[in-house]
Amino acid sequence: MKKLTTLILFTLLGTFFGFAQETPAPAKTKKPAVTNSTAETVTGKIGYISDKKITVKAKGAEASTAFLIDAETKVTINDEPKTAKDIMTKSMASVTPKTTDFATAAAIAVTKVAAPTNAPTKAE
């Protein structure tokens, strides 16, 4: 009887641990970007950039802030005039909204450019 009880116990434990190992950890979900709704400049890391939209995540913020980019948006990288196509993700930027339309960027000033992914290594 003792052997049968031990066998059943090990079978139940084996089944339990088998299911526990098969269950994957929940995936970390990204929070969608929130459209800007204030007149304040947002400074942070660029998460997404296209010719029509930019998202910036301020330090300590839960979600990124999204801005539309139009033909009037002024873009500078290290104080030099550029276009939105010149901006790289993971760079640090300050985005100032238009005074009449907070959802659209009036100016994007990139201050710290992210290192390119194919940067050469340092020769010794």
C-alpha atoms as a PDB file:
ATOM      1  CA  MET A   1       0.000   0.000   0.000  1.00  0.00           C
ATOM      2  CA  LYS A   2       2.857   2.354   0.831  1.00  0.00           C
ATOM      3  CA  LYS A   3       4.435   1.755  -2.596  1.00  0.00           C
ATOM      4  CA  LEU A   4       1.145   2.492  -4.356  1.00  0.00           C
ATOM      5  CA  THR A   5       0.692   5.768  -2.430  1.00  0.00           C
ATOM      6  CA  THR A   6       4.244   6.841  -3.233  1.00  0.00           C
ATOM      7  CA  LEU A   7       3.753   5.965  -6.909  1.00  0.00           C
ATOM      8  CA  ILE A   8       0.530   7.993  -7.098  1.00  0.00           C
ATOM      9  CA  LEU A   9       2.187  10.925  -5.339  1.00  0.00           C
ATOM     10  CA  PHE A  10       5.135  10.937  -7.749  1.00  0.00           C
ATOM     11  CA  THR A  11       2.767  10.641 -10.738  1.00  0.00           C
ATOM     12  CA  LEU A  12       0.744  13.636  -9.558  1.00  0.00           C
ATOM     13  CA  LEU A  13       3.869  15.695  -8.867  1.00  0.00           C
ATOM     14  CA  GLY A  14       5.346  14.789 -12.247  1.00  0.00           C
ATOM     15  CA  THR A  15       2.135  15.795 -14.009  1.00  0.00           C
ATOM     16  CA  PHE A  16       1.964  19.076 -12.097  1.00  0.00           C
ATOM     17  CA  PHE A  17       5.576  20.027 -12.828  1.00  0.00           C
ATOM     18  CA  GLY A  18       5.176  18.967 -16.456  1.00  0.00           C
ATOM     19  CA  PHE A  19       2.299  21.422 -16.922  1.00  0.00           C
ATOM     20  CA  ALA A  20       4.113  24.126 -14.963  1.00  0.00           C
ATOM     21  CA  GLN A  21       7.116  23.946 -17.288  1.00  0.00           C
ATOM     22  CA  GLU A  22       4.983  24.041 -20.450  1.00  0.00           C
ATOM     23  CA  THR A  23       3.240  27.279 -19.495  1.00  0.00           C
ATOM     24  CA  PRO A  24       5.240  30.163 -20.968  1.00  0.00           C
ATOM     25  CA  ALA A  25       5.680  33.399 -19.090  1.00  0.00           C
ATOM     26  CA  PRO A  26       3.249  36.104 -20.171  1.00  0.00           C
ATOM     27  CA  ALA A  27       4.634  38.274 -22.943  1.00  0.00           C
ATOM     28  CA  LYS A  28       5.638  41.797 -22.039  1.00  0.00           C
ATOM     29  CA  THR A  29       3.245  44.048 -23.886  1.00  0.00           C
ATOM     30  CA  LYS A  30       4.164  47.490 -25.092  1.00  0.00           C
ATOM     31  CA  LYS A  31       1.826  50.268 -24.200  1.00  0.00           C
ATOM     32  CA  PRO A  32       0.563  52.164 -27.235  1.00  0.00           C
ATOM     33  CA  ALA A  33       1.816  55.701 -27.725  1.00  0.00           C
ATOM     34  CA  VAL A  34      -0.445  58.467 -26.450  1.00  0.00           C
ATOM     35  CA  THR A  35      -1.140  61.409 -28.740  1.00  0.00           C
ATOM     36  CA  ASN A  36       0.259  64.619 -27.277  1.00  0.00           C
ATOM     37  CA  SER A  37      -2.341  66.883 -25.703  1.00  0.00           C
ATOM     38  CA  THR A  38      -0.280  69.549 -23.886  1.00  0.00           C
ATOM     39  CA  ALA A  39       1.778  72.574 -24.900  1.00  0.00           C
ATOM     40  CA  GLU A  40       4.851  71.301 -23.037  1.00  0.00           C
ATOM     41  CA  THR A  41       8.004  70.131 -24.804  1.00  0.00           C
ATOM     42  CA  VAL A  42       8.603  66.384 -24.463  1.00  0.00           C
ATOM     43  CA  THR A  43      12.214  65.233 -24.079  1.00  0.00           C
ATOM     44  CA  GLY A  44      13.177  61.580 -24.265  1.00  0.00           C
ATOM     45  CA  LYS A  45      14.245  58.640 -26.377  1.00  0.00           C
ATOM     46  CA  ILE A  46      12.813  58.226 -29.872  1.00  0.00           C
ATOM     47  CA  GLY A  47      10.939  54.951 -30.205  1.00  0.00           C
ATOM     48  CA  TYR A  48       9.484  55.331 -33.703  1.00  0.00           C
ATOM     49  CA  ILE A  49      10.103  57.742 -36.554  1.00  0.00           C
ATOM     50  CA  SER A  50       8.631  58.075 -40.043  1.00  0.00           C
ATOM     51  CA  ASP A  51       8.012  61.012 -42.350  1.00  0.00           C
ATOM     52  CA  LYS A  52       4.554  61.432 -40.765  1.00  0.00           C
ATOM     53  CA  LYS A  53       4.922  60.472 -37.092  1.00  0.00           C
ATOM     54  CA  ILE A  54       7.392  60.357 -34.189  1.00  0.00           C
ATOM     55  CA  THR A  55       7.080  58.810 -30.732  1.00  0.00           C
ATOM     56  CA  VAL A  56       9.198  59.922 -27.786  1.00  0.00           C
ATOM     57  CA  LYS A  57       9.348  58.219 -24.403  1.00  0.00           C
ATOM     58  CA  ALA A  58      10.280  60.547 -21.576  1.00  0.00           C
ATOM     59  CA  LYS A  59      12.319  59.119 -18.717  1.00  0.00           C
ATOM     60  CA  GLY A  60       9.983  57.616 -16.130  1.00  0.00           C
ATOM     61  CA  ALA A  61       6.923  57.749 -18.398  1.00  0.00           C
ATOM     62  CA  GLU A  62       4.767  54.656 -18.773  1.00  0.00           C
ATOM     63  CA  ALA A  63       3.984  55.225 -22.457  1.00  0.00           C
ATOM     64  CA  SER A  64       5.494  57.096 -25.371  1.00  0.00           C
ATOM     65  CA  THR A  65       4.069  60.387 -26.597  1.00  0.00           C
ATOM     66  CA  ALA A  66       3.160  60.556 -30.294  1.00  0.00           C
ATOM     67  CA  PHE A  67       3.414  63.616 -32.529  1.00  0.00           C
ATOM     68  CA  LEU A  68       2.451  64.091 -36.150  1.00  0.00           C
ATOM     69  CA  ILE A  69       5.087  65.533 -38.505  1.00  0.00           C
ATOM     70  CA  ASP A  70       4.072  67.894 -41.297  1.00  0.00           C
ATOM     71  CA  ALA A  71       5.871  70.034 -43.890  1.00  0.00           C
ATOM     72  CA  GLU A  72       6.244  72.898 -41.375  1.00  0.00           C
ATOM     73  CA  THR A  73       7.986  70.792 -38.710  1.00  0.00           C
ATOM     74  CA  LYS A  74      11.560  72.011 -38.211  1.00  0.00           C
ATOM     75  CA  VAL A  75      14.084  69.214 -37.614  1.00  0.00           C
ATOM     76  CA  THR A  76      17.590  69.748 -36.254  1.00  0.00           C
ATOM     77  CA  ILE A  77      20.292  67.269 -35.336  1.00  0.00           C
ATOM     78  CA  ASN A  78      23.052  68.759 -33.187  1.00  0.00           C
ATOM     79  CA  ASP A  79      21.784  72.231 -34.162  1.00  0.00           C
ATOM     80  CA  GLU A  80      22.069  71.508 -37.923  1.00  0.00           C
ATOM     81  CA  PRO A  81      18.935  71.605 -40.124  1.00  0.00           C
ATOM     82  CA  LYS A  82      17.921  68.104 -41.252  1.00  0.00           C
ATOM     83  CA  THR A  83      14.842  66.142 -42.331  1.00  0.00           C
ATOM     84  CA  ALA A  84      12.824  63.527 -40.457  1.00  0.00           C
ATOM     85  CA  LYS A  85      14.479  60.833 -42.604  1.00  0.00           C
ATOM     86  CA  ASP A  86      17.832  61.693 -40.968  1.00  0.00           C
ATOM     87  CA  ILE A  87      16.581  60.872 -37.451  1.00  0.00           C
ATOM     88  CA  MET A  88      17.420  57.491 -35.943  1.00  0.00           C
ATOM     89  CA  THR A  89      15.438  55.631 -33.303  1.00  0.00           C
ATOM     90  CA  LYS A  90      16.930  55.431 -29.794  1.00  0.00           C
ATOM     91  CA  SER A  91      18.327  58.964 -30.189  1.00  0.00           C
ATOM     92  CA  MET A  92      17.515  61.588 -27.563  1.00  0.00           C
ATOM     93  CA  ALA A  93      15.246  64.381 -28.765  1.00  0.00           C
ATOM     94  CA  SER A  94      13.101  67.273 -27.614  1.00  0.00           C
ATOM     95  CA  VAL A  95       9.800  67.682 -29.431  1.00  0.00           C
ATOM     96  CA  THR A  96       7.953  70.969 -29.187  1.00  0.00           C
ATOM     97  CA  PRO A  97       4.263  70.905 -30.211  1.00  0.00           C
ATOM     98  CA  LYS A  98       2.595  73.555 -32.331  1.00  0.00           C
ATOM     99  CA  THR A  99       0.781  76.204 -30.314  1.00  0.00           C
ATOM    100  CA  THR A 100      -2.408  75.736 -32.339  1.00  0.00           C
ATOM    101  CA  ASP A 101      -2.304  71.926 -32.639  1.00  0.00           C
ATOM    102  CA  PHE A 102      -0.654  70.071 -29.755  1.00  0.00           C
ATOM    103  CA  ALA A 103      -0.760  66.742 -31.640  1.00  0.00           C
ATOM    104  CA  THR A 104       1.603  68.074 -34.361  1.00  0.00           C
ATOM    105  CA  ALA A 105       5.290  68.762 -33.809  1.00  0.00           C
ATOM    106  CA  ALA A 106       6.508  72.306 -34.495  1.00  0.00           C
ATOM    107  CA  ALA A 107      10.162  71.422 -33.876  1.00  0.00           C
ATOM    108  CA  ILE A 108      12.211  68.273 -33.304  1.00  0.00           C
ATOM    109  CA  ALA A 109      15.666  68.839 -31.847  1.00  0.00           C
ATOM    110  CA  VAL A 110      17.837  65.718 -31.701  1.00  0.00           C
ATOM    111  CA  THR A 111      20.595  66.259 -29.173  1.00  0.00           C
ATOM    112  CA  LYS A 112      22.217  62.854 -28.786  1.00  0.00           C
ATOM    113  CA  VAL A 113      22.310  60.577 -31.799  1.00  0.00           C
ATOM    114  CA  ALA A 114      22.170  56.832 -31.199  1.00  0.00           C
ATOM    115  CA  ALA A 115      25.225  54.848 -32.275  1.00  0.00           C
ATOM    116  CA  PRO A 116      24.779  53.145 -35.637  1.00  0.00           C
ATOM    117  CA  THR A 117      24.319  49.390 -35.442  1.00  0.00           C
ATOM    118  CA  ASN A 118      27.121  48.729 -37.952  1.00  0.00           C
ATOM    119  CA  ALA A 119      29.723  50.916 -36.230  1.00  0.00           C
ATOM    120  CA  PRO A 120      33.276  49.656 -36.709  1.00  0.00           C
ATOM    121  CA  THR A 121      34.989  48.199 -33.696  1.00  0.00           C
ATOM    122  CA  LYS A 122      37.976  49.880 -32.143  1.00  0.00           C
ATOM    123  CA  ALA A 123      41.282  48.544 -33.497  1.00  0.00           C
ATOM    124  CA  GLU A 124      43.945  47.727 -30.937  1.00  0.00           C
END
